[in-house]
């Protein structure tokens, strides 16, 4: 193997690149193509955000609705790159919006009731970060995601 004896004679990679030729991996129309792809995927429906995993930035949802009160939470029906842990079922207890003594009495009754909703954990399929839950009606509730403009 030939090794350079004098390092001053070595030519850098940058000197070998011809910048007058258009790079083969560059596409000036890529943004327009991506926008058309997204419109086709949504089939005319709108979305409040595109959701990504907070750990690896993998897209997990293209079409979702923001929660009315909790602005960092979203719900969706169609998801991508998500793994549901069907072995672990969690109990989610609904708390009424009442205040005072009536609320405490109602909570005690609800705690013992079987009307609490069962949910299953949802993870990013790329890195296994927990990103939300899915309920019994197969509606995904995302609370640990990064939203971006649709």
Protein backbone atom coordinates (compact mmCIF):
# COMPACT_ATOMS: atom_id res chain seq x y z
CA UNK A 1 0.00 0.00 0.00
CA UNK A 2 1.36 3.40 -0.96
CA UNK A 3 1.45 5.95 1.82
CA UNK A 4 2.32 9.57 1.25
CA UNK A 5 5.85 10.34 2.27
CA UNK A 6 5.36 14.08 2.24
CA UNK A 7 2.01 15.15 3.74
CA UNK A 8 2.11 18.43 1.81
CA UNK A 9 1.58 16.47 -1.42
CA UNK A 10 -1.64 14.91 -0.11
CA UNK A 11 -4.76 16.26 -1.81
CA UNK A 12 -7.82 16.82 0.38
CA UNK A 13 -11.23 15.43 -0.57
CA UNK A 14 -12.56 18.96 -0.88
CA UNK A 15 -10.09 19.72 -3.67
CA UNK A 16 -11.36 16.72 -5.64
CA UNK A 17 -15.04 17.80 -5.64
CA UNK A 18 -16.30 19.54 -8.76
CA UNK A 19 -18.91 22.04 -7.51
CA UNK A 20 -19.98 22.98 -11.03
CA UNK A 21 -21.90 19.67 -11.31
CA UNK A 22 -25.28 19.31 -9.60
CA UNK A 23 -25.03 16.83 -6.67
CA UNK A 24 -26.75 13.51 -7.45
CA UNK A 25 -28.68 13.39 -4.15
CA UNK A 26 -30.12 16.91 -4.35
CA UNK A 27 -33.72 17.45 -5.42
CA UNK A 28 -34.95 21.04 -5.49
CA UNK A 29 -38.56 19.81 -5.87
CA UNK A 30 -38.46 17.55 -2.80
CA UNK A 31 -40.54 19.85 -0.57
CA UNK A 32 -43.31 20.01 -3.19
CA UNK A 33 -43.22 16.23 -3.62
CA UNK A 34 -43.41 15.71 0.17
CA UNK A 35 -46.39 18.05 0.42
CA UNK A 36 -48.25 16.13 -2.32
CA UNK A 37 -47.44 12.82 -0.61
CA UNK A 38 -48.81 14.13 2.71
CA UNK A 39 -52.01 15.45 1.06
CA UNK A 40 -52.54 12.07 -0.59
CA UNK A 41 -52.01 10.22 2.72
CA UNK A 42 -54.54 12.43 4.54
CA UNK A 43 -57.12 12.14 1.75
CA UNK A 44 -58.34 15.72 2.24
CA UNK A 45 -58.60 15.53 6.04
CA UNK A 46 -56.87 18.12 8.21
CA UNK A 47 -54.60 17.59 11.17
CA UNK A 48 -53.59 19.73 14.13
CA UNK A 49 -50.00 18.43 14.00
CA UNK A 50 -47.60 15.77 12.79
CA UNK A 51 -46.34 13.88 15.85
CA UNK A 52 -42.83 12.52 16.37
CA UNK A 53 -41.11 10.45 19.04
CA UNK A 54 -39.26 12.74 21.51
CA UNK A 55 -36.24 10.42 21.66
CA UNK A 56 -35.51 9.47 18.03
CA UNK A 57 -37.80 11.87 16.07
CA UNK A 58 -39.50 9.01 14.20
CA UNK A 59 -42.91 10.07 12.87
CA UNK A 60 -45.68 8.33 14.84
CA UNK A 61 -48.81 10.12 13.57
CA UNK A 62 -49.68 12.14 10.48
CA UNK A 63 -53.27 12.99 11.39
CA UNK A 64 -54.34 13.92 14.92
CA UNK A 65 -56.50 16.22 17.01
CA UNK A 66 -55.17 18.38 19.85
CA UNK A 67 -56.79 17.97 23.27
CA UNK A 68 -59.07 20.91 24.13
CA UNK A 69 -57.68 21.52 27.63
CA UNK A 70 -54.25 19.85 27.64
CA UNK A 71 -52.49 21.45 24.68
CA UNK A 72 -49.55 19.02 24.82
CA UNK A 73 -51.81 15.98 24.36
CA UNK A 74 -53.24 14.60 21.11
CA UNK A 75 -55.60 11.84 20.02
CA UNK A 76 -55.62 9.87 16.80
CA UNK A 77 -57.03 6.80 15.11
CA UNK A 78 -54.38 6.18 12.44
CA UNK A 79 -50.77 5.87 13.58
CA UNK A 80 -47.43 4.71 12.16
CA UNK A 81 -44.28 3.34 13.79
CA UNK A 82 -46.11 2.51 17.04
CA UNK A 83 -45.95 -0.67 19.11
CA UNK A 84 -48.78 -1.51 21.53
CA UNK A 85 -47.87 -3.47 24.67
CA UNK A 86 -50.88 -5.79 24.88
CA UNK A 87 -49.45 -7.60 27.92
CA UNK A 88 -49.79 -4.57 30.22
CA UNK A 89 -53.26 -3.10 30.78
CA UNK A 90 -53.59 0.06 32.85
CA UNK A 91 -56.64 1.45 34.64
CA UNK A 92 -57.56 5.07 33.90
CA UNK A 93 -60.06 6.55 36.36
CA UNK A 94 -62.27 9.35 35.10
CA UNK A 95 -62.42 12.27 37.56
CA UNK A 96 -65.50 14.50 37.31
CA UNK A 97 -65.17 18.25 37.02
CA UNK A 98 -67.10 18.86 40.27
CA UNK A 99 -65.56 20.58 43.30
CA UNK A 100 -65.95 20.34 47.08
CA UNK A 101 -67.40 17.54 49.22
CA UNK A 102 -69.59 16.17 46.43
CA UNK A 103 -66.50 15.60 44.32
CA UNK A 104 -64.74 13.62 47.07
CA UNK A 105 -67.82 11.43 47.60
CA UNK A 106 -68.11 10.81 43.88
CA UNK A 107 -64.41 9.92 43.59
CA UNK A 108 -64.73 7.33 46.32
CA UNK A 109 -67.61 5.69 44.49
CA UNK A 110 -65.73 5.76 41.21
CA UNK A 111 -62.59 4.26 42.74
CA UNK A 112 -64.42 1.06 43.58
CA UNK A 113 -66.45 0.90 40.39
CA UNK A 114 -65.54 -1.08 37.31
CA UNK A 115 -66.45 1.81 35.01
CA UNK A 116 -62.86 3.01 34.88
CA UNK A 117 -61.42 2.79 31.39
CA UNK A 118 -58.72 0.25 30.53
CA UNK A 119 -55.84 1.54 28.43
CA UNK A 120 -52.74 -0.07 26.94
CA UNK A 121 -49.30 1.53 26.68
CA UNK A 122 -48.00 2.65 23.27
CA UNK A 123 -44.29 2.79 22.44
CA UNK A 124 -42.23 4.09 19.53
CA UNK A 125 -41.40 1.05 17.39
CA UNK A 126 -37.95 2.47 16.55
CA UNK A 127 -36.58 3.20 20.05
CA UNK A 128 -39.22 1.84 22.52
CA UNK A 129 -39.90 5.21 24.18
CA UNK A 130 -43.37 5.38 25.78
CA UNK A 131 -45.38 7.93 23.79
CA UNK A 132 -48.97 7.38 24.91
CA UNK A 133 -51.82 4.93 25.43
CA UNK A 134 -54.57 3.36 23.36
CA UNK A 135 -58.06 2.90 24.82
CA UNK A 136 -60.64 0.14 24.33
CA UNK A 137 -62.15 1.99 21.35
CA UNK A 138 -58.73 1.93 19.62
CA UNK A 139 -58.22 5.67 19.98
CA UNK A 140 -54.59 6.60 20.59
CA UNK A 141 -53.89 9.25 23.22
CA UNK A 142 -50.41 10.77 22.82
CA UNK A 143 -48.85 12.68 25.71
CA UNK A 144 -45.10 12.21 25.19
CA UNK A 145 -44.56 13.40 21.61
CA UNK A 146 -43.11 16.32 19.67
CA UNK A 147 -45.69 18.13 17.50
CA UNK A 148 -44.82 19.96 14.31
CA UNK A 149 -46.92 21.96 11.89
CA UNK A 150 -48.84 19.76 9.42
